[in-house]
Amino acid sequence: MYPRGLQTLMAALGRLPGIGPKTAERLALYLVRAPAEEARALARAIARLKEEVATCSRCFNLAESDPCSICADPGRDPGLIAVVETPADLMALEAAQSYRGRYHVLAGALSPLDGVGPQHLRLGELLARVKAQPVREVIIATNPTVEGEATADLVARALANTGVLVTRLGYGVPVGGDLKYMDGLTLSRSLASRRKIED
């Protein structure tokens, strides 16, 4: 049996998503052996997290200020909103450096098995933004999973009578990919989302 303090830490780490009992044990044992200053630095970072990181009241991204730097940027196109599931998805689009619009973070995807229904997503806030601002296009950028597709359909239906153009991220064969290694669903979506080659 481990000492009570170590057991408490293992239990706390085990409540984090993706951390099972063995990983929690390994992390706790690492922290016991780590230099005291490293463990204290981690504790300080966790303690400051709730004080220094907030949610943007416009797009619901994680930020240090409200509004976030993306919403406050006058160089961003306010008529273009990309709807994503999580802040991590937003960061992935930002890393591509090819999108200059704004965002709306839904805070998840529809997943009835996990207890996530339409009422848990920020659809009402999205509709309010579309009605209050001159938005011309909403790009649905949910993940290409069953939950992401169901969420995309929900968002598209919610926006159906707003007069805003609703588009979906294209799917396809990744750059550098080889057709013979692609699954059938990827190939069929690639065919469905094909586009004309411009002269």
Protein backbone atom coordinates (compact mmCIF):
# COMPACT_ATOMS: atom_id res chain seq x y z
CA MET A 1 0.00 0.00 0.00
CA TYR A 2 1.21 3.45 -0.88
CA PRO A 3 1.20 6.27 1.69
CA ARG A 4 -2.10 8.14 1.96
CA GLY A 5 -0.77 11.32 0.29
CA LEU A 6 0.39 9.32 -2.73
CA GLN A 7 -2.94 7.49 -2.93
CA THR A 8 -4.77 10.84 -2.83
CA LEU A 9 -2.62 12.17 -5.69
CA MET A 10 -3.19 8.98 -7.72
CA ALA A 11 -6.95 9.28 -7.23
CA ALA A 12 -6.87 12.94 -8.32
CA LEU A 13 -4.78 12.18 -11.40
CA GLY A 14 -7.01 9.21 -12.25
CA ARG A 15 -10.02 11.52 -12.57
CA LEU A 16 -8.39 13.32 -15.50
CA PRO A 17 -9.61 12.25 -18.96
CA GLY A 18 -7.45 9.61 -20.59
CA ILE A 19 -5.58 8.79 -17.37
CA GLY A 20 -6.16 5.27 -16.14
CA PRO A 21 -5.04 3.78 -12.81
CA LYS A 22 -1.61 2.67 -14.12
CA THR A 23 -0.84 6.04 -15.71
CA ALA A 24 -1.99 7.84 -12.56
CA GLU A 25 0.32 5.63 -10.51
CA ARG A 26 3.25 6.26 -12.88
CA LEU A 27 2.71 10.05 -12.80
CA ALA A 28 2.37 10.13 -9.02
CA LEU A 29 5.54 8.09 -8.57
CA TYR A 30 7.36 10.41 -10.97
CA LEU A 31 6.27 13.45 -8.97
CA VAL A 32 7.47 11.85 -5.72
CA ARG A 33 10.93 11.36 -7.21
CA ALA A 34 11.00 14.72 -9.05
CA PRO A 35 12.93 17.66 -7.58
CA ALA A 36 10.81 19.58 -5.07
CA GLU A 37 10.87 22.75 -7.17
CA GLU A 38 9.49 20.89 -10.22
CA ALA A 39 6.58 19.52 -8.16
CA ARG A 40 5.93 22.97 -6.65
CA ALA A 41 6.01 24.59 -10.11
CA LEU A 42 3.39 22.12 -11.31
CA ALA A 43 1.24 22.78 -8.23
CA ARG A 44 1.50 26.56 -8.80
CA ALA A 45 0.56 26.21 -12.47
CA ILE A 46 -2.52 24.18 -11.57
CA ALA A 47 -3.50 26.62 -8.81
CA ARG A 48 -3.19 29.62 -11.17
CA LEU A 49 -5.09 27.93 -13.98
CA LYS A 50 -8.57 28.97 -12.85
CA GLU A 51 -7.41 32.51 -12.11
CA GLU A 52 -5.54 33.16 -15.36
CA VAL A 53 -7.56 31.25 -17.96
CA ALA A 54 -11.11 32.32 -18.75
CA THR A 55 -13.68 31.67 -21.46
CA CYS A 56 -14.26 34.31 -24.12
CA SER A 57 -17.85 35.55 -23.85
CA ARG A 58 -18.12 35.85 -27.66
CA CYS A 59 -16.63 32.68 -29.11
CA PHE A 60 -16.14 30.56 -25.95
CA ASN A 61 -12.48 29.92 -26.64
CA LEU A 62 -10.06 29.68 -23.73
CA ALA A 63 -8.28 33.00 -23.23
CA GLU A 64 -6.42 35.28 -20.86
CA SER A 65 -8.79 38.19 -21.55
CA ASP A 66 -12.38 38.75 -22.57
CA PRO A 67 -12.85 39.08 -25.48
CA CYS A 68 -10.07 36.78 -26.61
CA SER A 69 -7.31 38.00 -28.90
CA ILE A 70 -9.02 36.49 -31.98
CA CYS A 71 -12.37 38.18 -31.32
CA ALA A 72 -10.62 41.47 -30.52
CA ASP A 73 -8.48 41.38 -33.68
CA PRO A 74 -9.84 44.01 -36.13
CA GLY A 75 -8.04 42.21 -38.95
CA ARG A 76 -10.34 39.21 -38.62
CA ASP A 77 -13.35 38.89 -40.93
CA PRO A 78 -16.44 39.22 -38.68
CA GLY A 79 -18.69 37.89 -41.46
CA LEU A 80 -17.08 34.47 -41.34
CA ILE A 81 -17.53 32.10 -38.37
CA ALA A 82 -15.99 28.63 -38.11
CA VAL A 83 -17.89 26.37 -35.70
CA VAL A 84 -15.60 23.93 -33.87
CA GLU A 85 -16.14 21.40 -31.10
CA THR A 86 -13.32 22.36 -28.75
CA PRO A 87 -10.59 24.97 -28.22
CA ALA A 88 -8.09 22.31 -29.39
CA ASP A 89 -9.88 22.18 -32.77
CA LEU A 90 -9.70 25.98 -32.96
CA MET A 91 -5.95 25.85 -32.31
CA ALA A 92 -5.52 23.24 -35.07
CA LEU A 93 -7.21 25.57 -37.58
CA GLU A 94 -5.12 28.50 -36.35
CA ALA A 95 -1.93 26.46 -36.78
CA ALA A 96 -2.77 26.03 -40.47
CA GLN A 97 -2.58 29.85 -40.82
CA SER A 98 -5.08 29.91 -43.67
CA TYR A 99 -8.27 31.06 -41.92
CA ARG A 100 -8.83 34.74 -41.06
CA GLY A 101 -12.40 34.66 -39.78
CA ARG A 102 -13.73 34.24 -36.27
CA TYR A 103 -14.78 31.14 -34.34
CA HIS A 104 -17.55 29.65 -32.25
CA VAL A 105 -16.64 26.82 -29.84
CA LEU A 106 -19.58 24.48 -29.17
CA ALA A 107 -18.00 22.84 -26.10
CA GLY A 108 -18.29 19.32 -27.46
CA ALA A 109 -20.25 17.20 -29.89
CA LEU A 110 -23.57 15.41 -29.70
CA SER A 111 -23.07 12.13 -27.87
CA PRO A 112 -26.22 10.68 -26.28
CA LEU A 113 -24.26 7.76 -24.85
CA ASP A 114 -22.09 10.24 -22.94
CA GLY A 115 -25.07 12.35 -21.91
CA VAL A 116 -24.29 15.22 -24.31
CA GLY A 117 -27.44 16.50 -25.98
CA PRO A 118 -28.26 19.65 -27.98
CA GLN A 119 -28.89 21.57 -24.74
CA HIS A 120 -25.23 21.06 -23.73
CA LEU A 121 -23.88 22.75 -26.87
CA ARG A 122 -23.69 26.50 -27.42
CA LEU A 123 -26.20 26.58 -30.27
CA GLY A 124 -28.33 29.36 -28.79
CA GLU A 125 -25.28 31.57 -28.49
CA LEU A 126 -24.34 30.82 -32.12
CA LEU A 127 -27.82 31.78 -33.33
CA ALA A 128 -27.67 34.99 -31.29
CA ARG A 129 -24.33 35.90 -32.90
CA VAL A 130 -25.62 35.22 -36.39
CA LYS A 131 -28.69 37.40 -35.77
CA ALA A 132 -26.76 40.23 -34.08
CA GLN A 133 -23.83 40.48 -36.52
CA PRO A 134 -23.62 40.73 -40.31
CA VAL A 135 -22.50 37.10 -40.71
CA ARG A 136 -22.47 35.90 -44.31
CA GLU A 137 -21.05 32.37 -43.86
CA VAL A 138 -20.80 29.77 -41.11
CA ILE A 139 -18.25 27.03 -41.73
CA ILE A 140 -19.07 23.87 -39.80
CA ALA A 141 -15.69 22.47 -38.80
CA THR A 142 -16.70 19.60 -36.52
CA ASN A 143 -14.68 16.39 -36.55
CA PRO A 144 -15.38 13.70 -39.18
CA THR A 145 -16.74 11.26 -36.60
CA VAL A 146 -20.26 9.96 -36.05
CA GLU A 147 -20.69 12.50 -33.24
CA GLY A 148 -19.16 15.28 -35.34
CA GLU A 149 -21.46 14.52 -38.27
CA ALA A 150 -24.54 14.49 -36.03
CA THR A 151 -23.41 17.82 -34.56
CA ALA A 152 -22.85 19.27 -38.04
CA ASP A 153 -26.38 18.26 -39.05
CA LEU A 154 -27.78 19.83 -35.87
CA VAL A 155 -25.92 23.12 -36.49
CA ALA A 156 -26.97 23.20 -40.15
CA ARG A 157 -30.64 22.65 -39.22
CA ALA A 158 -30.45 25.36 -36.54
CA LEU A 159 -29.09 27.85 -39.09
CA ALA A 160 -31.41 26.81 -41.93
CA ASN A 161 -33.75 29.83 -41.74
CA THR A 162 -31.20 32.52 -40.95
CA GLY A 163 -30.26 33.39 -44.53
CA VAL A 164 -26.60 32.68 -43.79
CA LEU A 165 -24.55 30.48 -46.12
CA VAL A 166 -23.71 27.27 -44.21
CA THR A 167 -20.73 25.24 -45.45
CA ARG A 168 -18.86 22.18 -44.18
CA LEU A 169 -15.14 21.48 -44.22
CA GLY A 170 -14.24 19.24 -47.14
CA TYR A 171 -13.07 15.69 -46.63
CA GLY A 172 -10.58 13.85 -48.65
CA VAL A 173 -7.34 12.11 -49.24
CA PRO A 174 -4.55 13.70 -47.20
CA VAL A 175 -1.67 15.37 -49.01
CA GLY A 176 0.97 12.74 -49.61
CA GLY A 177 -1.60 9.97 -49.14
CA ASP A 178 -1.77 6.90 -51.32
CA LEU A 179 -5.22 5.88 -52.65
CA LYS A 180 -4.59 2.18 -52.14
CA TYR A 181 -4.25 2.75 -48.37
CA MET A 182 -7.40 4.88 -47.96
CA ASP A 183 -10.52 3.42 -46.37
CA GLY A 184 -13.78 3.34 -48.34
CA LEU A 185 -15.44 6.11 -46.34
CA THR A 186 -12.54 8.52 -46.96
CA LEU A 187 -12.59 7.76 -50.68
CA SER A 188 -16.36 8.16 -50.98
CA ARG A 189 -16.24 11.50 -49.14
CA SER A 190 -13.36 12.60 -51.34
CA LEU A 191 -15.46 11.89 -54.39
CA ALA A 192 -18.49 13.66 -52.91
CA SER A 193 -16.50 16.78 -52.00
CA ARG A 194 -14.65 17.07 -55.30
CA ARG A 195 -14.38 20.50 -56.89
CA LYS A 196 -13.76 21.96 -60.31
CA ILE A 197 -10.16 22.64 -61.24
CA GLU A 198 -9.82 26.31 -62.04
CA ASP A 199 -7.99 27.37 -65.18
